[in-house]
Amino acid sequence: MKICGPKLSLCGLLISIWGLVQLSVSLIQDLPLEEHYDTLEMFYDAASDAYYQNAYNCWVAAFIYLITLVLSIHQYRVNKKPPKFQPRKVSRGSMNKEIVRR
């Protein structure tokens, strides 16, 4: 079933691949941490929690990109298929005319 055309499916394919490539491990600057912690253990706990949350968000984004990638590949293949052969309906009168012309 066609949902989108060949250009849009190719664009979705490329954007999905690019999105999957861009998902990477978060750096310390990307974590929502406070400026000051009383102990080093409190900092490690907060950083660990923030990394787990970022990892979860990353997995959700990767899953969405993967769904988009699969849908785009499907649509690209559907649009690349040649149309199915549909025999021309010929009435008896037109067949007789073609035979007479030959």
PDB file of N, CA and C in Angstrom:
ATOM      1  N   MET A   1       0.844  -1.166   0.000  1.00  0.00           N
ATOM      2  CA  MET A   1       0.000   0.000   0.000  1.00  0.00           C
ATOM      3  C   MET A   1       0.899   1.241   0.000  1.00  0.00           C
ATOM      4  N   LYS A   2       0.652   2.113  -0.940  1.00  0.00           N
ATOM      5  CA  LYS A   2       1.440   3.327  -1.032  1.00  0.00           C
ATOM      6  C   LYS A   2       0.905   4.366  -0.051  1.00  0.00           C
ATOM      7  N   ILE A   3       1.807   4.894   0.757  1.00  0.00           N
ATOM      8  CA  ILE A   3       1.456   5.960   1.689  1.00  0.00           C
ATOM      9  C   ILE A   3       2.087   7.265   1.236  1.00  0.00           C
ATOM     10  N   CYS A   4       3.319   7.167   0.731  1.00  0.00           N
ATOM     11  CA  CYS A   4       4.019   8.363   0.250  1.00  0.00           C
ATOM     12  C   CYS A   4       4.741   8.012  -1.045  1.00  0.00           C
ATOM     13  N   GLY A   5       5.173   9.041  -1.743  1.00  0.00           N
ATOM     14  CA  GLY A   5       5.838   8.861  -3.023  1.00  0.00           C
ATOM     15  C   GLY A   5       7.299   8.464  -2.877  1.00  0.00           C
ATOM     16  N   PRO A   6       7.966   8.263  -4.012  1.00  0.00           N
ATOM     17  CA  PRO A   6       9.355   7.800  -3.966  1.00  0.00           C
ATOM     18  C   PRO A   6      10.319   8.836  -3.380  1.00  0.00           C
ATOM     19  N   LYS A   7      10.103  10.106  -3.651  1.00  0.00           N
ATOM     20  CA  LYS A   7      11.011  11.141  -3.129  1.00  0.00           C
ATOM     21  C   LYS A   7      10.883  11.282  -1.617  1.00  0.00           C
ATOM     22  N   LEU A   8       9.665  11.274  -1.118  1.00  0.00           N
ATOM     23  CA  LEU A   8       9.455  11.388   0.327  1.00  0.00           C
ATOM     24  C   LEU A   8       9.963  10.156   1.062  1.00  0.00           C
ATOM     25  N   SER A   9       9.787   8.988   0.483  1.00  0.00           N
ATOM     26  CA  SER A   9      10.286   7.776   1.136  1.00  0.00           C
ATOM     27  C   SER A   9      11.814   7.759   1.158  1.00  0.00           C
ATOM     28  N   LEU A  10      12.456   8.232   0.098  1.00  0.00           N
ATOM     29  CA  LEU A  10      13.915   8.314   0.085  1.00  0.00           C
ATOM     30  C   LEU A  10      14.414   9.346   1.089  1.00  0.00           C
ATOM     31  N   CYS A  11      13.708  10.463   1.206  1.00  0.00           N
ATOM     32  CA  CYS A  11      14.062  11.492   2.192  1.00  0.00           C
ATOM     33  C   CYS A  11      13.916  10.936   3.611  1.00  0.00           C
ATOM     34  N   GLY A  12      12.836  10.239   3.886  1.00  0.00           N
ATOM     35  CA  GLY A  12      12.646   9.621   5.204  1.00  0.00           C
ATOM     36  C   GLY A  12      13.709   8.590   5.508  1.00  0.00           C
ATOM     37  N   LEU A  13      14.117   7.853   4.497  1.00  0.00           N
ATOM     38  CA  LEU A  13      15.174   6.863   4.654  1.00  0.00           C
ATOM     39  C   LEU A  13      16.488   7.532   5.055  1.00  0.00           C
ATOM     40  N   LEU A  14      16.849   8.589   4.353  1.00  0.00           N
ATOM     41  CA  LEU A  14      18.103   9.285   4.651  1.00  0.00           C
ATOM     42  C   LEU A  14      18.069   9.969   6.021  1.00  0.00           C
ATOM     43  N   ILE A  15      16.950  10.590   6.356  1.00  0.00           N
ATOM     44  CA  ILE A  15      16.834  11.264   7.651  1.00  0.00           C
ATOM     45  C   ILE A  15      16.885  10.246   8.789  1.00  0.00           C
ATOM     46  N   SER A  16      16.278   9.085   8.606  1.00  0.00           N
ATOM     47  CA  SER A  16      16.310   8.048   9.645  1.00  0.00           C
ATOM     48  C   SER A  16      17.720   7.527   9.866  1.00  0.00           C
ATOM     49  N   ILE A  17      18.435   7.294   8.781  1.00  0.00           N
ATOM     50  CA  ILE A  17      19.816   6.825   8.916  1.00  0.00           C
ATOM     51  C   ILE A  17      20.665   7.892   9.593  1.00  0.00           C
ATOM     52  N   TRP A  18      20.501   9.153   9.176  1.00  0.00           N
ATOM     53  CA  TRP A  18      21.269  10.240   9.779  1.00  0.00           C
ATOM     54  C   TRP A  18      20.931  10.384  11.268  1.00  0.00           C
ATOM     55  N   GLY A  19      19.681  10.254  11.634  1.00  0.00           N
ATOM     56  CA  GLY A  19      19.285  10.346  13.036  1.00  0.00           C
ATOM     57  C   GLY A  19      19.885   9.242  13.873  1.00  0.00           C
ATOM     58  N   LEU A  20      19.914   8.009  13.330  1.00  0.00           N
ATOM     59  CA  LEU A  20      20.519   6.905  14.066  1.00  0.00           C
ATOM     60  C   LEU A  20      22.018   7.113  14.237  1.00  0.00           C
ATOM     61  N   VAL A  21      22.662   7.698  13.235  1.00  0.00           N
ATOM     62  CA  VAL A  21      24.101   7.968  13.336  1.00  0.00           C
ATOM     63  C   VAL A  21      24.371   9.040  14.388  1.00  0.00           C
ATOM     64  N   GLN A  22      23.511  10.034  14.477  1.00  0.00           N
ATOM     65  CA  GLN A  22      23.737  11.162  15.377  1.00  0.00           C
ATOM     66  C   GLN A  22      23.474  10.833  16.847  1.00  0.00           C
ATOM     67  N   LEU A  23      22.748   9.766  17.125  1.00  0.00           N
ATOM     68  CA  LEU A  23      22.518   9.391  18.524  1.00  0.00           C
ATOM     69  C   LEU A  23      23.837   8.907  19.110  1.00  0.00           C
ATOM     70  N   SER A  24      24.299   9.579  20.121  1.00  0.00           N
ATOM     71  CA  SER A  24      25.573   9.188  20.722  1.00  0.00           C
ATOM     72  C   SER A  24      25.472   9.323  22.234  1.00  0.00           C
ATOM     73  N   VAL A  25      26.501   8.862  22.902  1.00  0.00           N
ATOM     74  CA  VAL A  25      26.542   8.955  24.357  1.00  0.00           C
ATOM     75  C   VAL A  25      26.605  10.429  24.750  1.00  0.00           C
ATOM     76  N   SER A  26      25.817  10.790  25.735  1.00  0.00           N
ATOM     77  CA  SER A  26      25.789  12.186  26.179  1.00  0.00           C
ATOM     78  C   SER A  26      27.079  12.559  26.894  1.00  0.00           C
ATOM     79  N   LEU A  27      27.492  13.764  26.675  1.00  0.00           N
ATOM     80  CA  LEU A  27      28.659  14.289  27.375  1.00  0.00           C
ATOM     81  C   LEU A  27      28.231  14.895  28.703  1.00  0.00           C
ATOM     82  N   ILE A  28      29.195  15.179  29.545  1.00  0.00           N
ATOM     83  CA  ILE A  28      28.897  15.720  30.870  1.00  0.00           C
ATOM     84  C   ILE A  28      28.178  17.072  30.775  1.00  0.00           C
ATOM     85  N   GLN A  29      28.444  17.830  29.706  1.00  0.00           N
ATOM     86  CA  GLN A  29      27.789  19.139  29.548  1.00  0.00           C
ATOM     87  C   GLN A  29      26.298  18.994  29.244  1.00  0.00           C
ATOM     88  N   ASP A  30      25.896  17.847  28.710  1.00  0.00           N
ATOM     89  CA  ASP A  30      24.497  17.634  28.359  1.00  0.00           C
ATOM     90  C   ASP A  30      23.642  17.170  29.532  1.00  0.00           C
ATOM     91  N   LEU A  31      24.268  16.852  30.644  1.00  0.00           N
ATOM     92  CA  LEU A  31      23.524  16.349  31.793  1.00  0.00           C
ATOM     93  C   LEU A  31      22.989  17.486  32.646  1.00  0.00           C
ATOM     94  N   PRO A  32      21.755  17.365  33.114  1.00  0.00           N
ATOM     95  CA  PRO A  32      21.187  18.406  33.974  1.00  0.00           C
ATOM     96  C   PRO A  32      21.697  18.270  35.416  1.00  0.00           C
ATOM     97  N   LEU A  33      22.887  18.769  35.673  1.00  0.00           N
ATOM     98  CA  LEU A  33      23.487  18.668  37.001  1.00  0.00           C
ATOM     99  C   LEU A  33      23.566  20.041  37.641  1.00  0.00           C
ATOM    100  N   GLU A  34      23.586  20.025  38.977  1.00  0.00           N
ATOM    101  CA  GLU A  34      23.712  21.280  39.726  1.00  0.00           C
ATOM    102  C   GLU A  34      25.166  21.748  39.691  1.00  0.00           C
ATOM    103  N   GLU A  35      25.365  22.976  40.081  1.00  0.00           N
ATOM    104  CA  GLU A  35      26.718  23.559  40.085  1.00  0.00           C
ATOM    105  C   GLU A  35      27.588  23.003  41.210  1.00  0.00           C
ATOM    106  N   HIS A  36      26.977  22.733  42.355  1.00  0.00           N
ATOM    107  CA  HIS A  36      27.776  22.351  43.512  1.00  0.00           C
ATOM    108  C   HIS A  36      27.128  21.172  44.238  1.00  0.00           C
ATOM    109  N   TYR A  37      27.955  20.207  44.666  1.00  0.00           N
ATOM    110  CA  TYR A  37      27.492  19.067  45.461  1.00  0.00           C
ATOM    111  C   TYR A  37      28.329  19.014  46.743  1.00  0.00           C
ATOM    112  N   ASP A  38      27.695  18.564  47.811  1.00  0.00           N
ATOM    113  CA  ASP A  38      28.386  18.502  49.106  1.00  0.00           C
ATOM    114  C   ASP A  38      29.467  17.427  49.127  1.00  0.00           C
ATOM    115  N   THR A  39      29.174  16.291  48.527  1.00  0.00           N
ATOM    116  CA  THR A  39      30.159  15.198  48.523  1.00  0.00           C
ATOM    117  C   THR A  39      30.322  14.683  47.089  1.00  0.00           C
ATOM    118  N   LEU A  40      31.414  13.993  46.895  1.00  0.00           N
ATOM    119  CA  LEU A  40      31.678  13.408  45.585  1.00  0.00           C
ATOM    120  C   LEU A  40      30.681  12.286  45.285  1.00  0.00           C
ATOM    121  N   GLU A  41      30.250  11.574  46.310  1.00  0.00           N
ATOM    122  CA  GLU A  41      29.274  10.499  46.144  1.00  0.00           C
ATOM    123  C   GLU A  41      27.930  11.041  45.657  1.00  0.00           C
ATOM    124  N   MET A  42      27.516  12.202  46.174  1.00  0.00           N
ATOM    125  CA  MET A  42      26.266  12.823  45.714  1.00  0.00           C
ATOM    126  C   MET A  42      26.368  13.202  44.237  1.00  0.00           C
ATOM    127  N   PHE A  43      27.535  13.695  43.835  1.00  0.00           N
ATOM    128  CA  PHE A  43      27.747  14.027  42.423  1.00  0.00           C
ATOM    129  C   PHE A  43      27.656  12.780  41.551  1.00  0.00           C
ATOM    130  N   TYR A  44      28.311  11.691  41.969  1.00  0.00           N
ATOM    131  CA  TYR A  44      28.275  10.454  41.199  1.00  0.00           C
ATOM    132  C   TYR A  44      26.857   9.909  41.075  1.00  0.00           C
ATOM    133  N   ASP A  45      26.089   9.973  42.159  1.00  0.00           N
ATOM    134  CA  ASP A  45      24.700   9.503  42.116  1.00  0.00           C
ATOM    135  C   ASP A  45      23.856  10.336  41.154  1.00  0.00           C
ATOM    136  N   ALA A  46      24.015  11.655  41.224  1.00  0.00           N
ATOM    137  CA  ALA A  46      23.249  12.540  40.339  1.00  0.00           C
ATOM    138  C   ALA A  46      23.662  12.338  38.880  1.00  0.00           C
ATOM    139  N   ALA A  47      24.969  12.191  38.637  1.00  0.00           N
ATOM    140  CA  ALA A  47      25.443  11.964  37.269  1.00  0.00           C
ATOM    141  C   ALA A  47      24.954  10.625  36.735  1.00  0.00           C
ATOM    142  N   SER A  48      24.965   9.604  37.587  1.00  0.00           N
ATOM    143  CA  SER A  48      24.489   8.287  37.167  1.00  0.00           C
ATOM    144  C   SER A  48      23.004   8.329  36.808  1.00  0.00           C
ATOM    145  N   ASP A  49      22.205   8.981  37.642  1.00  0.00           N
ATOM    146  CA  ASP A  49      20.774   9.112  37.355  1.00  0.00           C
ATOM    147  C   ASP A  49      20.539   9.869  36.050  1.00  0.00           C
ATOM    148  N   ALA A  50      21.307  10.931  35.844  1.00  0.00           N
ATOM    149  CA  ALA A  50      21.155  11.726  34.617  1.00  0.00           C
ATOM    150  C   ALA A  50      21.566  10.913  33.388  1.00  0.00           C
ATOM    151  N   TYR A  51      22.632  10.127  33.493  1.00  0.00           N
ATOM    152  CA  TYR A  51      23.041   9.270  32.379  1.00  0.00           C
ATOM    153  C   TYR A  51      21.981   8.226  32.071  1.00  0.00           C
ATOM    154  N   TYR A  52      21.380   7.631  33.094  1.00  0.00           N
ATOM    155  CA  TYR A  52      20.322   6.650  32.859  1.00  0.00           C
ATOM    156  C   TYR A  52      19.125   7.290  32.155  1.00  0.00           C
ATOM    157  N   GLN A  53      18.757   8.490  32.560  1.00  0.00           N
ATOM    158  CA  GLN A  53      17.637   9.175  31.917  1.00  0.00           C
ATOM    159  C   GLN A  53      17.974   9.505  30.460  1.00  0.00           C
ATOM    160  N   ASN A  54      19.195   9.979  30.211  1.00  0.00           N
ATOM    161  CA  ASN A  54      19.596  10.274  28.833  1.00  0.00           C
ATOM    162  C   ASN A  54      19.666   9.000  27.996  1.00  0.00           C
ATOM    163  N   ALA A  55      20.113   7.913  28.584  1.00  0.00           N
ATOM    164  CA  ALA A  55      20.164   6.645  27.855  1.00  0.00           C
ATOM    165  C   ALA A  55      18.762   6.173  27.484  1.00  0.00           C
ATOM    166  N   TYR A  56      17.826   6.324  28.406  1.00  0.00           N
ATOM    167  CA  TYR A  56      16.441   5.954  28.121  1.00  0.00           C
ATOM    168  C   TYR A  56      15.897   6.808  26.976  1.00  0.00           C
ATOM    169  N   ASN A  57      16.126   8.105  27.036  1.00  0.00           N
ATOM    170  CA  ASN A  57      15.669   8.995  25.968  1.00  0.00           C
ATOM    171  C   ASN A  57      16.305   8.623  24.632  1.00  0.00           C
ATOM    172  N   CYS A  58      17.558   8.228  24.668  1.00  0.00           N
ATOM    173  CA  CYS A  58      18.264   7.826  23.460  1.00  0.00           C
ATOM    174  C   CYS A  58      17.648   6.562  22.856  1.00  0.00           C
ATOM    175  N   TRP A  59      17.298   5.596  23.700  1.00  0.00           N
ATOM    176  CA  TRP A  59      16.667   4.374  23.205  1.00  0.00           C
ATOM    177  C   TRP A  59      15.294   4.664  22.596  1.00  0.00           C
ATOM    178  N   VAL A  60      14.540   5.547  23.201  1.00  0.00           N
ATOM    179  CA  VAL A  60      13.231   5.909  22.649  1.00  0.00           C
ATOM    180  C   VAL A  60      13.408   6.560  21.280  1.00  0.00           C
ATOM    181  N   ALA A  61      14.344   7.489  21.165  1.00  0.00           N
ATOM    182  CA  ALA A  61      14.597   8.151  19.885  1.00  0.00           C
ATOM    183  C   ALA A  61      15.083   7.142  18.842  1.00  0.00           C
ATOM    184  N   ALA A  62      15.948   6.218  19.238  1.00  0.00           N
ATOM    185  CA  ALA A  62      16.448   5.206  18.298  1.00  0.00           C
ATOM    186  C   ALA A  62      15.305   4.321  17.796  1.00  0.00           C
ATOM    187  N   PHE A  63      14.380   3.964  18.681  1.00  0.00           N
ATOM    188  CA  PHE A  63      13.234   3.145  18.281  1.00  0.00           C
ATOM    189  C   PHE A  63      12.357   3.894  17.276  1.00  0.00           C
ATOM    190  N   ILE A  64      12.126   5.168  17.524  1.00  0.00           N
ATOM    191  CA  ILE A  64      11.318   5.974  16.599  1.00  0.00           C
ATOM    192  C   ILE A  64      12.015   6.089  15.248  1.00  0.00           C
ATOM    193  N   TYR A  65      13.330   6.333  15.255  1.00  0.00           N
ATOM    194  CA  TYR A  65      14.079   6.396  14.004  1.00  0.00           C
ATOM    195  C   TYR A  65      14.034   5.048  13.281  1.00  0.00           C
ATOM    196  N   LEU A  66      14.083   3.967  14.006  1.00  0.00           N
ATOM    197  CA  LEU A  66      14.045   2.642  13.397  1.00  0.00           C
ATOM    198  C   LEU A  66      12.695   2.377  12.739  1.00  0.00           C
ATOM    199  N   ILE A  67      11.622   2.766  13.396  1.00  0.00           N
ATOM    200  CA  ILE A  67      10.287   2.615  12.796  1.00  0.00           C
ATOM    201  C   ILE A  67      10.189   3.438  11.518  1.00  0.00           C
ATOM    202  N   THR A  68      10.687   4.669  11.566  1.00  0.00           N
ATOM    203  CA  THR A  68      10.669   5.523  10.377  1.00  0.00           C
ATOM    204  C   THR A  68      11.521   4.924   9.263  1.00  0.00           C
ATOM    205  N   LEU A  69      12.659   4.339   9.625  1.00  0.00           N
ATOM    206  CA  LEU A  69      13.533   3.721   8.638  1.00  0.00           C
ATOM    207  C   LEU A  69      12.845   2.538   7.955  1.00  0.00           C
ATOM    208  N   VAL A  70      12.221   1.671   8.740  1.00  0.00           N
ATOM    209  CA  VAL A  70      11.535   0.504   8.172  1.00  0.00           C
ATOM    210  C   VAL A  70      10.381   0.941   7.275  1.00  0.00           C
ATOM    211  N   LEU A  71       9.602   1.904   7.714  1.00  0.00           N
ATOM    212  CA  LEU A  71       8.492   2.403   6.908  1.00  0.00           C
ATOM    213  C   LEU A  71       8.996   3.034   5.613  1.00  0.00           C
ATOM    214  N   SER A  72      10.081   3.788   5.680  1.00  0.00           N
ATOM    215  CA  SER A  72      10.635   4.424   4.485  1.00  0.00           C
ATOM    216  C   SER A  72      11.176   3.391   3.506  1.00  0.00           C
ATOM    217  N   ILE A  73      11.857   2.365   4.010  1.00  0.00           N
ATOM    218  CA  ILE A  73      12.359   1.307   3.129  1.00  0.00           C
ATOM    219  C   ILE A  73      11.198   0.595   2.448  1.00  0.00           C
ATOM    220  N   HIS A  74      10.155   0.307   3.207  1.00  0.00           N
ATOM    221  CA  HIS A  74       8.976  -0.347   2.637  1.00  0.00           C
ATOM    222  C   HIS A  74       8.361   0.512   1.534  1.00  0.00           C
ATOM    223  N   GLN A  75       8.173   1.791   1.810  1.00  0.00           N
ATOM    224  CA  GLN A  75       7.570   2.670   0.826  1.00  0.00           C
ATOM    225  C   GLN A  75       8.461   2.846  -0.405  1.00  0.00           C
ATOM    226  N   TYR A  76       9.756   2.896  -0.197  1.00  0.00           N
ATOM    227  CA  TYR A  76      10.682   3.027  -1.320  1.00  0.00           C
ATOM    228  C   TYR A  76      10.582   1.793  -2.223  1.00  0.00           C
ATOM    229  N   ARG A  77      10.518   0.616  -1.632  1.00  0.00           N
ATOM    230  CA  ARG A  77      10.414  -0.614  -2.418  1.00  0.00           C
ATOM    231  C   ARG A  77       9.062  -0.715  -3.116  1.00  0.00           C
ATOM    232  N   VAL A  78       7.994  -0.270  -2.448  1.00  0.00           N
ATOM    233  CA  VAL A  78       6.670  -0.302  -3.070  1.00  0.00           C
ATOM    234  C   VAL A  78       6.643   0.629  -4.277  1.00  0.00           C
ATOM    235  N   ASN A  79       7.267   1.789  -4.149  1.00  0.00           N
ATOM    236  CA  ASN A  79       7.265   2.746  -5.255  1.00  0.00           C
ATOM    237  C   ASN A  79       8.180   2.331  -6.400  1.00  0.00           C
ATOM    238  N   LYS A  80       9.183   1.494  -6.133  1.00  0.00           N
ATOM    239  CA  LYS A  80      10.104   1.051  -7.176  1.00  0.00           C
ATOM    240  C   LYS A  80       9.566  -0.138  -7.974  1.00  0.00           C
ATOM    241  N   LYS A  81       8.562  -0.835  -7.457  1.00  0.00           N
ATOM    242  CA  LYS A  81       8.006  -1.984  -8.162  1.00  0.00           C
ATOM    243  C   LYS A  81       7.325  -1.523  -9.442  1.00  0.00           C
ATOM    244  N   PRO A  82       7.518  -2.278 -10.518  1.00  0.00           N
ATOM    245  CA  PRO A  82       6.763  -1.931 -11.729  1.00  0.00           C
ATOM    246  C   PRO A  82       5.284  -2.252 -11.514  1.00  0.00           C
ATOM    247  N   PRO A  83       4.419  -1.524 -12.179  1.00  0.00           N
ATOM    248  CA  PRO A  83       2.989  -1.810 -11.990  1.00  0.00           C
ATOM    249  C   PRO A  83       2.661  -3.217 -12.478  1.00  0.00           C
ATOM    250  N   LYS A  84       1.713  -3.828 -11.811  1.00  0.00           N
ATOM    251  CA  LYS A  84       1.293  -5.170 -12.200  1.00  0.00           C
ATOM    252  C   LYS A  84       0.654  -5.127 -13.584  1.00  0.00           C
ATOM    253  N   PHE A  85       0.893  -6.178 -14.352  1.00  0.00           N
ATOM    254  CA  PHE A  85       0.322  -6.261 -15.687  1.00  0.00           C
ATOM    255  C   PHE A  85      -1.180  -6.455 -15.583  1.00  0.00           C
ATOM    256  N   GLN A  86      -1.894  -5.586 -16.253  1.00  0.00           N
ATOM    257  CA  GLN A  86      -3.336  -5.714 -16.289  1.00  0.00           C
ATOM    258  C   GLN A  86      -3.739  -5.898 -17.752  1.00  0.00           C
ATOM    259  N   PRO A  87      -4.242  -7.069 -18.092  1.00  0.00           N
ATOM    260  CA  PRO A  87      -4.600  -7.296 -19.491  1.00  0.00           C
ATOM    261  C   PRO A  87      -5.709  -6.351 -19.930  1.00  0.00           C
ATOM    262  N   ARG A  88      -5.587  -5.929 -21.158  1.00  0.00           N
ATOM    263  CA  ARG A  88      -6.581  -5.018 -21.720  1.00  0.00           C
ATOM    264  C   ARG A  88      -7.855  -5.789 -22.004  1.00  0.00           C
ATOM    265  N   LYS A  89      -8.959  -5.219 -21.614  1.00  0.00           N
ATOM    266  CA  LYS A  89     -10.240  -5.859 -21.881  1.00  0.00           C
ATOM    267  C   LYS A  89     -10.627  -5.574 -23.325  1.00  0.00           C
ATOM    268  N   VAL A  90     -10.812  -6.640 -24.048  1.00  0.00           N
ATOM    269  CA  VAL A  90     -11.134  -6.515 -25.469  1.00  0.00           C
ATOM    270  C   VAL A  90     -12.503  -7.143 -25.710  1.00  0.00           C
ATOM    271  N   SER A  91     -13.338  -6.404 -26.352  1.00  0.00           N
ATOM    272  CA  SER A  91     -14.649  -6.960 -26.672  1.00  0.00           C
ATOM    273  C   SER A  91     -14.547  -7.737 -27.985  1.00  0.00           C
ATOM    274  N   ARG A  92     -15.519  -8.557 -28.274  1.00  0.00           N
ATOM    275  CA  ARG A  92     -15.483  -9.382 -29.484  1.00  0.00           C
ATOM    276  C   ARG A  92     -15.504  -8.523 -30.734  1.00  0.00           C
ATOM    277  N   GLY A  93     -16.213  -7.433 -30.689  1.00  0.00           N
ATOM    278  CA  GLY A  93     -16.290  -6.578 -31.875  1.00  0.00           C
ATOM    279  C   GLY A  93     -14.945  -5.971 -32.221  1.00  0.00           C
ATOM    280  N   SER A  94     -14.192  -5.544 -31.224  1.00  0.00           N
ATOM    281  CA  SER A  94     -12.889  -4.953 -31.501  1.00  0.00           C
ATOM    282  C   SER A  94     -11.894  -6.012 -31.949  1.00  0.00           C
ATOM    283  N   MET A  95     -12.032  -7.269 -31.477  1.00  0.00           N
ATOM    284  CA  MET A  95     -11.141  -8.339 -31.940  1.00  0.00           C
ATOM    285  C   MET A  95     -11.373  -8.600 -33.418  1.00  0.00           C
ATOM    286  N   ASN A  96     -12.626  -8.614 -33.830  1.00  0.00           N
ATOM    287  CA  ASN A  96     -12.932  -8.843 -35.246  1.00  0.00           C
ATOM    288  C   ASN A  96     -12.368  -7.736 -36.112  1.00  0.00           C
ATOM    289  N   LYS A  97     -12.413  -6.489 -35.634  1.00  0.00           N
ATOM    290  CA  LYS A  97     -11.892  -5.368 -36.391  1.00  0.00           C
ATOM    291  C   LYS A  97     -10.383  -5.476 -36.539  1.00  0.00           C
ATOM    292  N   GLU A  98      -9.679  -5.924 -35.495  1.00  0.00           N
ATOM    293  CA  GLU A  98      -8.226  -6.078 -35.575  1.00  0.00           C
ATOM    294  C   GLU A  98      -7.855  -7.178 -36.534  1.00  0.00           C
ATOM    295  N   ILE A  99      -8.623  -8.261 -36.571  1.00  0.00           N
ATOM    296  CA  ILE A  99      -8.344  -9.352 -37.492  1.00  0.00           C
ATOM    297  C   ILE A  99      -8.554  -8.889 -38.937  1.00  0.00           C
ATOM    298  N   VAL A 100      -9.604  -8.120 -39.178  1.00  0.00           N
ATOM    299  CA  VAL A 100      -9.899  -7.626 -40.522  1.00  0.00           C
ATOM    300  C   VAL A 100      -8.811  -6.672 -40.960  1.00  0.00           C
ATOM    301  N   ARG A 101      -8.273  -5.851 -40.068  1.00  0.00           N
ATOM    302  CA  ARG A 101      -7.235  -4.879 -40.437  1.00  0.00           C
ATOM    303  C   ARG A 101      -5.960  -5.567 -40.871  1.00  0.00           C
ATOM    304  N   ARG A 102      -5.681  -6.700 -40.335  1.00  0.00           N
ATOM    305  CA  ARG A 102      -4.434  -7.402 -40.671  1.00  0.00           C
ATOM    306  C   ARG A 102      -4.616  -8.030 -42.002  1.00  0.00           C
TER     307      ARG A 102
END
